[in-house]
Amino acid sequence: MKAITRIEQSLAAAIALGEDGSCPPRLAGAIHHAVFPGGARIRPQICLAVAQACGEDDPLLADATAIALELLHCASLAHDDLPCFDNADMRRGRASVQWAYGPALAVLAGDALIVRAFQTLAMGACHSPLRLPGLMATVGAGVGTPGGIVAGQAWESESRVVLADYQRAKTGALFVAATMGGAQAAGADPEPWRALGDGLGLAYQVADDIRDAAADPALIGKPVGRDVALGRPSAVTQLGLEGALAHFRGLIAQAADAIPDCEGGSGLRQLVLGESERLIPASMAEALRQRAALSAIVSA
C-alpha cells in the first residue's frame, strides 16, 4: 500500500471515531473540513518513512504516530487562520475553517483535533506500550512550550524575535517530532534523526516565507503577503528574495545529508529532494529571480 493511501485511510478512521450521532453536526463538519481534503501530508509521510528505515516492527504504532502529527498540524492551521492571527479566508484552495464555519467552531475544531491526536497515539500503542511515554514526550514537545508550534505562533506577539528561533518553533518542531517519532515508533534511538527533522522544518518555513512574498495565491491555495501585512518575521525580509532562495536550497541539502546510514536512506533522500521541487519548483524560482531583478532595476 502506498504511504499516502495508508495515511488517508488511517486519518479517516481516526476522524470517524468522533463523528457519531452524539457529536454536534456543525462541529463534526468543521473537524472534517479541517482535515479533508489534505495537502501533501508530508509530516506523516516522513514519519512513516523513518519508521520503515528503522525496521518498523509495529505498523499500528507508526500509523498512530503519523496520524497524530497530521491531526496536530491540521489543528494548527485551523487556529492559524482565525481573525486573531492571520484572518485567512482560504486554505488549501478552498474556504478556511473559520470562513466556512465561523471562528467559534474553528477554535473548537482545532481543540478537538488536538485531543483526537493524543487519543489516536495512545490507542495505537497497545502492542508496544513501553514506547508510549517517549512518543508522548516527543510529540508534545513538537506542539507545546517552550519550543513547539504553540510557541512559534506566540513569537508573532513579541516585539523582538530571532528569526531562527521563530522558524524552528513555528514549523521545525513538528518535523523534528515526525522524524524522531518515526524512529521511536519502530523502537529505535530517535536522537540520530533530529537533524533531519530540524533541517526539513527550517526549509519548509523558508519556503513558506518565499511563497508568501511572491507566489500566486491560486497556485498555493491560500492568501499571500501576510508576513508583510502582519509584520511577521520572514526569511525574505531578512535575506532578500535571492538570499532566501539560496538559504532554502542549503537547508534542503543539509536535511538530505543528515539522513543516517540506513536501509531506507536512498528513498528518504529522494522524498526530501522531491519535496524541494514541489515547494519551490525550478520554474517558480527562476520567475521569482527575474521579478526581483526587474524590481531592482525599476527601483534604481
C-alpha atoms as a PDB file:
ATOM      1  CA  MET A   1       0.000   0.000   0.000  1.00  0.00           C
ATOM      2  CA  LYS A   2       1.292   3.465  -0.879  1.00  0.00           C
ATOM      3  CA  ALA A   3       2.135   5.655   2.091  1.00  0.00           C
ATOM      4  CA  ILE A   4      -0.374   8.341   1.110  1.00  0.00           C
ATOM      5  CA  THR A   5      -3.173   5.750   0.871  1.00  0.00           C
ATOM      6  CA  ARG A   6      -2.221   4.354   4.247  1.00  0.00           C
ATOM      7  CA  ILE A   7      -2.271   7.866   5.722  1.00  0.00           C
ATOM      8  CA  GLU A   8      -5.650   8.837   4.250  1.00  0.00           C
ATOM      9  CA  GLN A   9      -7.302   5.620   5.409  1.00  0.00           C
ATOM     10  CA  SER A  10      -5.896   5.995   8.912  1.00  0.00           C
ATOM     11  CA  LEU A  11      -6.954   9.652   9.075  1.00  0.00           C
ATOM     12  CA  ALA A  12     -10.488   8.749   8.004  1.00  0.00           C
ATOM     13  CA  ALA A  13     -10.648   6.063  10.699  1.00  0.00           C
ATOM     14  CA  ALA A  14      -9.391   8.444  13.397  1.00  0.00           C
ATOM     15  CA  ILE A  15     -11.878  11.172  12.479  1.00  0.00           C
ATOM     16  CA  ALA A  16     -14.769   8.691  12.195  1.00  0.00           C
ATOM     17  CA  LEU A  17     -14.359   7.823  15.896  1.00  0.00           C
ATOM     18  CA  GLY A  18     -15.644  11.301  16.780  1.00  0.00           C
ATOM     19  CA  GLU A  19     -18.398  11.561  14.156  1.00  0.00           C
ATOM     20  CA  ASP A  20     -21.249   9.516  15.638  1.00  0.00           C
ATOM     21  CA  GLY A  21     -24.712  10.969  16.121  1.00  0.00           C
ATOM     22  CA  SER A  22     -23.938  12.402  19.552  1.00  0.00           C
ATOM     23  CA  CYS A  23     -21.486  14.967  18.148  1.00  0.00           C
ATOM     24  CA  PRO A  24     -22.899  18.404  17.241  1.00  0.00           C
ATOM     25  CA  PRO A  25     -23.255  18.197  13.439  1.00  0.00           C
ATOM     26  CA  ARG A  26     -21.635  21.529  12.633  1.00  0.00           C
ATOM     27  CA  LEU A  27     -18.665  20.750  14.861  1.00  0.00           C
ATOM     28  CA  ALA A  28     -18.275  17.375  13.125  1.00  0.00           C
ATOM     29  CA  GLY A  29     -18.436  19.204   9.791  1.00  0.00           C
ATOM     30  CA  ALA A  30     -15.794  21.734  10.854  1.00  0.00           C
ATOM     31  CA  ILE A  31     -13.458  18.954  12.030  1.00  0.00           C
ATOM     32  CA  HIS A  32     -13.861  17.098   8.752  1.00  0.00           C
ATOM     33  CA  HIS A  33     -13.329  20.322   6.799  1.00  0.00           C
ATOM     34  CA  ALA A  34     -10.073  20.958   8.685  1.00  0.00           C
ATOM     35  CA  VAL A  35      -8.625  17.578   7.724  1.00  0.00           C
ATOM     36  CA  PHE A  36     -10.046  16.703   4.295  1.00  0.00           C
ATOM     37  CA  PRO A  37      -9.013  17.121   1.585  1.00  0.00           C
ATOM     38  CA  GLY A  38      -5.466  17.452   2.812  1.00  0.00           C
ATOM     39  CA  GLY A  39      -2.238  18.857   1.494  1.00  0.00           C
ATOM     40  CA  ALA A  40       0.877  16.818   0.784  1.00  0.00           C
ATOM     41  CA  ARG A  41       0.680  15.073   4.201  1.00  0.00           C
ATOM     42  CA  ILE A  42       4.454  15.402   4.310  1.00  0.00           C
ATOM     43  CA  ARG A  43       4.798  15.136   8.105  1.00  0.00           C
ATOM     44  CA  PRO A  44       3.122  11.707   8.306  1.00  0.00           C
ATOM     45  CA  GLN A  45       4.939  10.623   5.145  1.00  0.00           C
ATOM     46  CA  ILE A  46       8.283  11.498   6.729  1.00  0.00           C
ATOM     47  CA  CYS A  47       7.269   9.778   9.971  1.00  0.00           C
ATOM     48  CA  LEU A  48       6.349   6.534   8.198  1.00  0.00           C
ATOM     49  CA  ALA A  49       9.461   6.646   6.006  1.00  0.00           C
ATOM     50  CA  VAL A  50      11.692   6.963   9.073  1.00  0.00           C
ATOM     51  CA  ALA A  51       9.813   4.159  10.861  1.00  0.00           C
ATOM     52  CA  GLN A  52      10.323   1.913   7.836  1.00  0.00           C
ATOM     53  CA  ALA A  53      14.007   2.871   7.632  1.00  0.00           C
ATOM     54  CA  CYS A  54      14.334   1.837  11.296  1.00  0.00           C
ATOM     55  CA  GLY A  55      12.718  -1.567  10.769  1.00  0.00           C
ATOM     56  CA  GLU A  56       9.067  -0.749  11.579  1.00  0.00           C
ATOM     57  CA  ASP A  57       8.137  -3.679  13.806  1.00  0.00           C
ATOM     58  CA  ASP A  58       4.834  -2.111  14.947  1.00  0.00           C
ATOM     59  CA  PRO A  59       2.921  -0.652  11.968  1.00  0.00           C
ATOM     60  CA  LEU A  60      -0.072   0.215  14.170  1.00  0.00           C
ATOM     61  CA  LEU A  61       2.061   2.468  16.351  1.00  0.00           C
ATOM     62  CA  ALA A  62       3.824   4.002  13.343  1.00  0.00           C
ATOM     63  CA  ASP A  63       0.446   4.810  11.799  1.00  0.00           C
ATOM     64  CA  ALA A  64      -0.837   6.282  15.069  1.00  0.00           C
ATOM     65  CA  THR A  65       2.238   8.497  15.417  1.00  0.00           C
ATOM     66  CA  ALA A  66       1.984   9.714  11.836  1.00  0.00           C
ATOM     67  CA  ILE A  67      -1.741  10.429  12.130  1.00  0.00           C
ATOM     68  CA  ALA A  68      -1.352  12.222  15.469  1.00  0.00           C
ATOM     69  CA  LEU A  69       1.183  14.559  13.861  1.00  0.00           C
ATOM     70  CA  GLU A  70      -1.094  15.318  10.908  1.00  0.00           C
ATOM     71  CA  LEU A  71      -4.083  15.982  13.172  1.00  0.00           C
ATOM     72  CA  LEU A  72      -1.988  18.403  15.203  1.00  0.00           C
ATOM     73  CA  HIS A  73      -0.838  20.115  12.022  1.00  0.00           C
ATOM     74  CA  CYS A  74      -4.446  20.459  10.817  1.00  0.00           C
ATOM     75  CA  ALA A  75      -5.433  21.873  14.214  1.00  0.00           C
ATOM     76  CA  SER A  76      -2.671  24.465  13.961  1.00  0.00           C
ATOM     77  CA  LEU A  77      -3.912  25.552  10.517  1.00  0.00           C
ATOM     78  CA  ALA A  78      -7.488  25.939  11.764  1.00  0.00           C
ATOM     79  CA  HIS A  79      -6.233  28.149  14.584  1.00  0.00           C
ATOM     80  CA  ASP A  80      -3.681  29.995  12.426  1.00  0.00           C
ATOM     81  CA  ASP A  81      -6.424  31.192  10.068  1.00  0.00           C
ATOM     82  CA  LEU A  82      -8.516  32.759  12.875  1.00  0.00           C
ATOM     83  CA  PRO A  83      -9.218  36.508  12.882  1.00  0.00           C
ATOM     84  CA  CYS A  84      -6.906  36.967  15.875  1.00  0.00           C
ATOM     85  CA  PHE A  85      -3.988  35.588  13.829  1.00  0.00           C
ATOM     86  CA  ASP A  86      -3.953  35.568  10.008  1.00  0.00           C
ATOM     87  CA  ASN A  87      -7.676  36.131   9.428  1.00  0.00           C
ATOM     88  CA  ALA A  88      -7.332  33.990   6.291  1.00  0.00           C
ATOM     89  CA  ASP A  89     -10.353  33.201   4.167  1.00  0.00           C
ATOM     90  CA  MET A  90      -8.678  30.459   2.129  1.00  0.00           C
ATOM     91  CA  ARG A  91      -6.688  27.329   2.950  1.00  0.00           C
ATOM     92  CA  ARG A  92      -5.658  24.515   0.611  1.00  0.00           C
ATOM     93  CA  GLY A  93      -7.510  26.157  -2.246  1.00  0.00           C
ATOM     94  CA  ARG A  94     -10.908  26.486  -0.547  1.00  0.00           C
ATOM     95  CA  ALA A  95     -12.559  28.308   2.340  1.00  0.00           C
ATOM     96  CA  SER A  96     -10.672  28.149   5.635  1.00  0.00           C
ATOM     97  CA  VAL A  97     -12.467  26.551   8.578  1.00  0.00           C
ATOM     98  CA  GLN A  98     -13.186  29.917  10.177  1.00  0.00           C
ATOM     99  CA  TRP A  99     -14.574  31.257   6.907  1.00  0.00           C
ATOM    100  CA  ALA A 100     -16.760  28.203   6.263  1.00  0.00           C
ATOM    101  CA  TYR A 101     -17.970  27.569   9.830  1.00  0.00           C
ATOM    102  CA  GLY A 102     -17.160  30.729  11.793  1.00  0.00           C
ATOM    103  CA  PRO A 103     -14.358  31.488  14.282  1.00  0.00           C
ATOM    104  CA  ALA A 104     -16.022  29.775  17.257  1.00  0.00           C
ATOM    105  CA  LEU A 105     -16.282  26.410  15.526  1.00  0.00           C
ATOM    106  CA  ALA A 106     -12.789  26.822  14.078  1.00  0.00           C
ATOM    107  CA  VAL A 107     -11.443  27.153  17.631  1.00  0.00           C
ATOM    108  CA  LEU A 108     -13.422  24.129  18.807  1.00  0.00           C
ATOM    109  CA  ALA A 109     -12.483  22.035  15.768  1.00  0.00           C
ATOM    110  CA  GLY A 110      -8.804  22.749  16.373  1.00  0.00           C
ATOM    111  CA  ASP A 111      -9.166  21.877  20.058  1.00  0.00           C
ATOM    112  CA  ALA A 112     -10.961  18.626  19.204  1.00  0.00           C
ATOM    113  CA  LEU A 113      -8.215  17.650  16.750  1.00  0.00           C
ATOM    114  CA  ILE A 114      -5.538  18.183  19.392  1.00  0.00           C
ATOM    115  CA  VAL A 115      -7.376  15.852  21.763  1.00  0.00           C
ATOM    116  CA  ARG A 116      -8.031  13.325  18.975  1.00  0.00           C
ATOM    117  CA  ALA A 117      -4.312  13.327  18.120  1.00  0.00           C
ATOM    118  CA  PHE A 118      -3.271  12.177  21.573  1.00  0.00           C
ATOM    119  CA  GLN A 119      -6.163   9.721  21.792  1.00  0.00           C
ATOM    120  CA  THR A 120      -5.011   8.210  18.480  1.00  0.00           C
ATOM    121  CA  LEU A 121      -1.433   7.928  19.721  1.00  0.00           C
ATOM    122  CA  ALA A 122      -2.498   6.262  22.971  1.00  0.00           C
ATOM    123  CA  MET A 123      -4.781   3.749  21.229  1.00  0.00           C
ATOM    124  CA  GLY A 124      -2.046   2.855  18.760  1.00  0.00           C
ATOM    125  CA  ALA A 125       0.397   1.795  21.465  1.00  0.00           C
ATOM    126  CA  CYS A 126      -1.458  -1.361  22.554  1.00  0.00           C
ATOM    127  CA  HIS A 127       1.296  -3.683  21.225  1.00  0.00           C
ATOM    128  CA  SER A 128       4.240  -1.537  22.378  1.00  0.00           C
ATOM    129  CA  PRO A 129       3.036   0.310  25.497  1.00  0.00           C
ATOM    130  CA  LEU A 130       6.556   0.955  26.790  1.00  0.00           C
ATOM    131  CA  ARG A 131       7.214   3.170  23.772  1.00  0.00           C
ATOM    132  CA  LEU A 132       4.247   5.426  24.516  1.00  0.00           C
ATOM    133  CA  PRO A 133       5.789   7.697  27.206  1.00  0.00           C
ATOM    134  CA  GLY A 134       8.707   8.613  24.947  1.00  0.00           C
ATOM    135  CA  LEU A 135       6.421   9.212  21.997  1.00  0.00           C
ATOM    136  CA  MET A 136       4.062  11.362  24.064  1.00  0.00           C
ATOM    137  CA  ALA A 137       7.038  13.465  25.175  1.00  0.00           C
ATOM    138  CA  THR A 138       8.363  13.828  21.622  1.00  0.00           C
ATOM    139  CA  VAL A 139       5.023  14.733  20.073  1.00  0.00           C
ATOM    140  CA  GLY A 140       4.163  17.036  22.969  1.00  0.00           C
ATOM    141  CA  ALA A 141       7.485  18.858  22.598  1.00  0.00           C
ATOM    142  CA  GLY A 142       6.673  19.486  18.948  1.00  0.00           C
ATOM    143  CA  VAL A 143       3.408  21.185  19.882  1.00  0.00           C
ATOM    144  CA  GLY A 144       3.714  22.939  23.233  1.00  0.00           C
ATOM    145  CA  THR A 145       6.196  25.117  25.097  1.00  0.00           C
ATOM    146  CA  PRO A 146       8.976  26.070  25.199  1.00  0.00           C
ATOM    147  CA  GLY A 147       9.749  25.327  21.548  1.00  0.00           C
ATOM    148  CA  GLY A 148       6.744  23.746  19.814  1.00  0.00           C
ATOM    149  CA  ILE A 149       4.300  25.177  17.292  1.00  0.00           C
ATOM    150  CA  VAL A 150       2.296  26.947  20.012  1.00  0.00           C
ATOM    151  CA  ALA A 151       5.448  28.832  20.986  1.00  0.00           C
ATOM    152  CA  GLY A 152       6.110  29.529  17.319  1.00  0.00           C
ATOM    153  CA  GLN A 153       2.702  31.179  16.996  1.00  0.00           C
ATOM    154  CA  ALA A 154       3.331  33.121  20.202  1.00  0.00           C
ATOM    155  CA  TRP A 155       6.601  34.595  18.882  1.00  0.00           C
ATOM    156  CA  GLU A 156       4.440  36.629  16.488  1.00  0.00           C
ATOM    157  CA  SER A 157       3.165  38.554  19.518  1.00  0.00           C
ATOM    158  CA  GLU A 158       6.656  39.530  20.715  1.00  0.00           C
ATOM    159  CA  SER A 159       8.330  42.832  19.839  1.00  0.00           C
ATOM    160  CA  ARG A 160      11.762  41.266  19.257  1.00  0.00           C
ATOM    161  CA  VAL A 161      12.204  37.894  17.580  1.00  0.00           C
ATOM    162  CA  VAL A 162      15.229  35.880  16.495  1.00  0.00           C
ATOM    163  CA  LEU A 163      14.223  34.564  13.078  1.00  0.00           C
ATOM    164  CA  ALA A 164      15.819  31.126  13.573  1.00  0.00           C
ATOM    165  CA  ASP A 165      14.022  30.653  16.916  1.00  0.00           C
ATOM    166  CA  TYR A 166      10.711  31.613  15.326  1.00  0.00           C
ATOM    167  CA  GLN A 167      11.174  29.294  12.341  1.00  0.00           C
ATOM    168  CA  ARG A 168      12.394  26.387  14.452  1.00  0.00           C
ATOM    169  CA  ALA A 169       9.298  26.577  16.674  1.00  0.00           C
ATOM    170  CA  LYS A 170       6.652  27.609  14.123  1.00  0.00           C
ATOM    171  CA  THR A 171       7.431  24.862  11.614  1.00  0.00           C
ATOM    172  CA  GLY A 172      10.570  22.936  12.519  1.00  0.00           C
ATOM    173  CA  ALA A 173       9.368  21.468  15.815  1.00  0.00           C
ATOM    174  CA  LEU A 174       6.673  19.287  14.261  1.00  0.00           C
ATOM    175  CA  PHE A 175       9.127  17.992  11.640  1.00  0.00           C
ATOM    176  CA  VAL A 176      11.531  17.035  14.415  1.00  0.00           C
ATOM    177  CA  ALA A 177       8.643  15.227  16.103  1.00  0.00           C
ATOM    178  CA  ALA A 178       7.953  13.419  12.806  1.00  0.00           C
ATOM    179  CA  THR A 179      11.490  12.137  12.308  1.00  0.00           C
ATOM    180  CA  MET A 180      12.206  11.321  15.949  1.00  0.00           C
ATOM    181  CA  GLY A 181       8.692   9.938  16.490  1.00  0.00           C
ATOM    182  CA  GLY A 182       9.037   7.667  13.470  1.00  0.00           C
ATOM    183  CA  ALA A 183      12.209   6.195  14.944  1.00  0.00           C
ATOM    184  CA  GLN A 184      10.654   5.785  18.402  1.00  0.00           C
ATOM    185  CA  ALA A 185       7.574   4.087  16.944  1.00  0.00           C
ATOM    186  CA  ALA A 186       9.935   1.484  15.478  1.00  0.00           C
ATOM    187  CA  GLY A 187      11.817   1.043  18.754  1.00  0.00           C
ATOM    188  CA  ALA A 188      14.950   2.848  17.528  1.00  0.00           C
ATOM    189  CA  ASP A 189      17.055   5.618  19.062  1.00  0.00           C
ATOM    190  CA  PRO A 190      15.402   8.879  17.968  1.00  0.00           C
ATOM    191  CA  GLU A 191      18.360  11.219  18.500  1.00  0.00           C
ATOM    192  CA  PRO A 192      20.187  10.489  15.196  1.00  0.00           C
ATOM    193  CA  TRP A 193      17.030  11.594  13.378  1.00  0.00           C
ATOM    194  CA  ARG A 194      16.750  15.030  14.999  1.00  0.00           C
ATOM    195  CA  ALA A 195      18.949  16.830  12.446  1.00  0.00           C
ATOM    196  CA  LEU A 196      16.835  15.614   9.513  1.00  0.00           C
ATOM    197  CA  GLY A 197      13.669  16.995  11.095  1.00  0.00           C
ATOM    198  CA  ASP A 198      15.355  20.238  12.053  1.00  0.00           C
ATOM    199  CA  GLY A 199      16.694  20.849   8.539  1.00  0.00           C
ATOM    200  CA  LEU A 200      13.409  19.938   6.880  1.00  0.00           C
ATOM    201  CA  GLY A 201      11.362  22.117   9.202  1.00  0.00           C
ATOM    202  CA  LEU A 202      13.535  25.169   8.650  1.00  0.00           C
ATOM    203  CA  ALA A 203      13.453  24.578   4.884  1.00  0.00           C
ATOM    204  CA  TYR A 204       9.660  24.435   4.939  1.00  0.00           C
ATOM    205  CA  GLN A 205       9.368  27.695   6.834  1.00  0.00           C
ATOM    206  CA  VAL A 206      11.758  29.475   4.462  1.00  0.00           C
ATOM    207  CA  ALA A 207       9.795  28.083   1.504  1.00  0.00           C
ATOM    208  CA  ASP A 208       6.593  29.356   3.097  1.00  0.00           C
ATOM    209  CA  ASP A 209       8.173  32.808   3.501  1.00  0.00           C
ATOM    210  CA  ILE A 210       9.205  32.820  -0.166  1.00  0.00           C
ATOM    211  CA  ARG A 211       5.786  31.708  -1.367  1.00  0.00           C
ATOM    212  CA  ASP A 212       4.041  34.249   0.856  1.00  0.00           C
ATOM    213  CA  ALA A 213       6.198  37.018  -0.570  1.00  0.00           C
ATOM    214  CA  ALA A 214       5.931  36.233  -4.250  1.00  0.00           C
ATOM    215  CA  ALA A 215       3.775  33.250  -5.209  1.00  0.00           C
ATOM    216  CA  ASP A 216       0.387  33.235  -6.909  1.00  0.00           C
ATOM    217  CA  PRO A 217      -2.331  32.602  -4.259  1.00  0.00           C
ATOM    218  CA  ALA A 218      -4.212  30.423  -6.753  1.00  0.00           C
ATOM    219  CA  LEU A 219      -1.131  28.215  -7.016  1.00  0.00           C
ATOM    220  CA  ILE A 220      -0.521  27.713  -3.290  1.00  0.00           C
ATOM    221  CA  GLY A 221      -4.178  27.747  -2.205  1.00  0.00           C
ATOM    222  CA  LYS A 222      -4.000  30.475   0.440  1.00  0.00           C
ATOM    223  CA  PRO A 223      -3.569  34.253   0.687  1.00  0.00           C
ATOM    224  CA  VAL A 224      -0.122  35.778   0.159  1.00  0.00           C
ATOM    225  CA  GLY A 225       1.549  38.902   1.512  1.00  0.00           C
ATOM    226  CA  ARG A 226       0.530  38.133   5.086  1.00  0.00           C
ATOM    227  CA  ASP A 227       4.051  38.354   6.559  1.00  0.00           C
ATOM    228  CA  VAL A 228       4.472  41.978   5.463  1.00  0.00           C
ATOM    229  CA  ALA A 229       0.868  42.907   6.269  1.00  0.00           C
ATOM    230  CA  LEU A 230       1.119  41.497   9.796  1.00  0.00           C
ATOM    231  CA  GLY A 231       4.730  42.495  10.452  1.00  0.00           C
ATOM    232  CA  ARG A 232       5.892  38.923  10.990  1.00  0.00           C
ATOM    233  CA  PRO A 233       9.495  37.709  10.842  1.00  0.00           C
ATOM    234  CA  SER A 234      10.415  36.396   7.398  1.00  0.00           C
ATOM    235  CA  ALA A 235      13.473  34.985   5.659  1.00  0.00           C
ATOM    236  CA  VAL A 236      12.647  37.146   2.634  1.00  0.00           C
ATOM    237  CA  THR A 237      12.524  40.319   4.731  1.00  0.00           C
ATOM    238  CA  GLN A 238      15.815  39.474   6.402  1.00  0.00           C
ATOM    239  CA  LEU A 239      17.761  37.938   3.500  1.00  0.00           C
ATOM    240  CA  GLY A 240      16.059  39.268   0.397  1.00  0.00           C
ATOM    241  CA  LEU A 241      14.402  37.020  -2.162  1.00  0.00           C
ATOM    242  CA  GLU A 242      17.609  35.705  -3.729  1.00  0.00           C
ATOM    243  CA  GLY A 243      19.158  35.152  -0.301  1.00  0.00           C
ATOM    244  CA  ALA A 244      16.071  33.280   0.897  1.00  0.00           C
ATOM    245  CA  LEU A 245      16.137  31.042  -2.181  1.00  0.00           C
ATOM    246  CA  ALA A 246      19.798  30.217  -1.564  1.00  0.00           C
ATOM    247  CA  HIS A 247      19.091  29.574   2.117  1.00  0.00           C
ATOM    248  CA  PHE A 248      16.238  27.216   1.180  1.00  0.00           C
ATOM    249  CA  ARG A 249      18.468  25.204  -1.164  1.00  0.00           C
ATOM    250  CA  GLY A 250      21.140  24.982   1.529  1.00  0.00           C
ATOM    251  CA  LEU A 251      18.663  23.739   4.134  1.00  0.00           C
ATOM    252  CA  ILE A 252      17.330  21.044   1.794  1.00  0.00           C
ATOM    253  CA  ALA A 253      20.886  19.849   1.122  1.00  0.00           C
ATOM    254  CA  GLN A 254      21.598  19.919   4.857  1.00  0.00           C
ATOM    255  CA  ALA A 255      18.494  17.826   5.558  1.00  0.00           C
ATOM    256  CA  ALA A 256      19.379  15.258   2.887  1.00  0.00           C
ATOM    257  CA  ASP A 257      22.930  14.977   4.233  1.00  0.00           C
ATOM    258  CA  ALA A 258      21.593  14.483   7.774  1.00  0.00           C
ATOM    259  CA  ILE A 259      19.819  11.217   6.950  1.00  0.00           C
ATOM    260  CA  PRO A 260      21.559   8.481   8.985  1.00  0.00           C
ATOM    261  CA  ASP A 261      23.009   5.471   7.197  1.00  0.00           C
ATOM    262  CA  CYS A 262      20.132   3.022   6.956  1.00  0.00           C
ATOM    263  CA  GLU A 263      18.440   0.631   4.548  1.00  0.00           C
ATOM    264  CA  GLY A 264      15.807   3.196   3.559  1.00  0.00           C
ATOM    265  CA  GLY A 265      18.196   6.139   3.277  1.00  0.00           C
ATOM    266  CA  SER A 266      18.018   6.365  -0.505  1.00  0.00           C
ATOM    267  CA  GLY A 267      14.218   6.529  -0.537  1.00  0.00           C
ATOM    268  CA  LEU A 268      14.211   9.149   2.193  1.00  0.00           C
ATOM    269  CA  ARG A 269      16.701  11.259   0.283  1.00  0.00           C
ATOM    270  CA  GLN A 270      14.506  11.102  -2.808  1.00  0.00           C
ATOM    271  CA  LEU A 271      11.499  12.156  -0.728  1.00  0.00           C
ATOM    272  CA  VAL A 272      13.381  15.163   0.667  1.00  0.00           C
ATOM    273  CA  LEU A 273      14.664  16.289  -2.739  1.00  0.00           C
ATOM    274  CA  GLY A 274      11.239  15.737  -4.296  1.00  0.00           C
ATOM    275  CA  GLU A 275       9.683  17.998  -1.686  1.00  0.00           C
ATOM    276  CA  SER A 276      12.199  20.687  -2.575  1.00  0.00           C
ATOM    277  CA  GLU A 277      10.952  20.740  -6.166  1.00  0.00           C
ATOM    278  CA  ARG A 278       7.307  20.623  -5.072  1.00  0.00           C
ATOM    279  CA  LEU A 279       7.679  23.551  -2.695  1.00  0.00           C
ATOM    280  CA  ILE A 280       9.787  25.805  -4.909  1.00  0.00           C
ATOM    281  CA  PRO A 281       9.788  24.413  -8.461  1.00  0.00           C
ATOM    282  CA  ALA A 282      12.727  25.460 -10.619  1.00  0.00           C
ATOM    283  CA  SER A 283      10.332  27.399 -12.851  1.00  0.00           C
ATOM    284  CA  MET A 284       8.964  29.324  -9.864  1.00  0.00           C
ATOM    285  CA  ALA A 285      12.456  30.070  -8.548  1.00  0.00           C
ATOM    286  CA  GLU A 286      13.536  31.444 -11.941  1.00  0.00           C
ATOM    287  CA  ALA A 287      10.384  33.561 -12.248  1.00  0.00           C
ATOM    288  CA  LEU A 288      10.970  34.980  -8.772  1.00  0.00           C
ATOM    289  CA  ARG A 289      14.591  35.808  -9.617  1.00  0.00           C
ATOM    290  CA  GLN A 290      13.512  37.631 -12.765  1.00  0.00           C
ATOM    291  CA  ARG A 291      10.865  39.554 -10.849  1.00  0.00           C
ATOM    292  CA  ALA A 292      13.392  40.541  -8.187  1.00  0.00           C
ATOM    293  CA  ALA A 293      15.906  41.654 -10.839  1.00  0.00           C
ATOM    294  CA  LEU A 294      13.248  43.747 -12.610  1.00  0.00           C
ATOM    295  CA  SER A 295      12.179  45.308  -9.324  1.00  0.00           C
ATOM    296  CA  ALA A 296      15.799  46.234  -8.571  1.00  0.00           C
ATOM    297  CA  ILE A 297      16.159  47.902 -11.993  1.00  0.00           C
ATOM    298  CA  VAL A 298      12.944  49.881 -11.530  1.00  0.00           C
ATOM    299  CA  SER A 299      13.959  50.955  -8.032  1.00  0.00           C
ATOM    300  CA  ALA A 300      17.359  52.132  -9.315  1.00  0.00           C
END
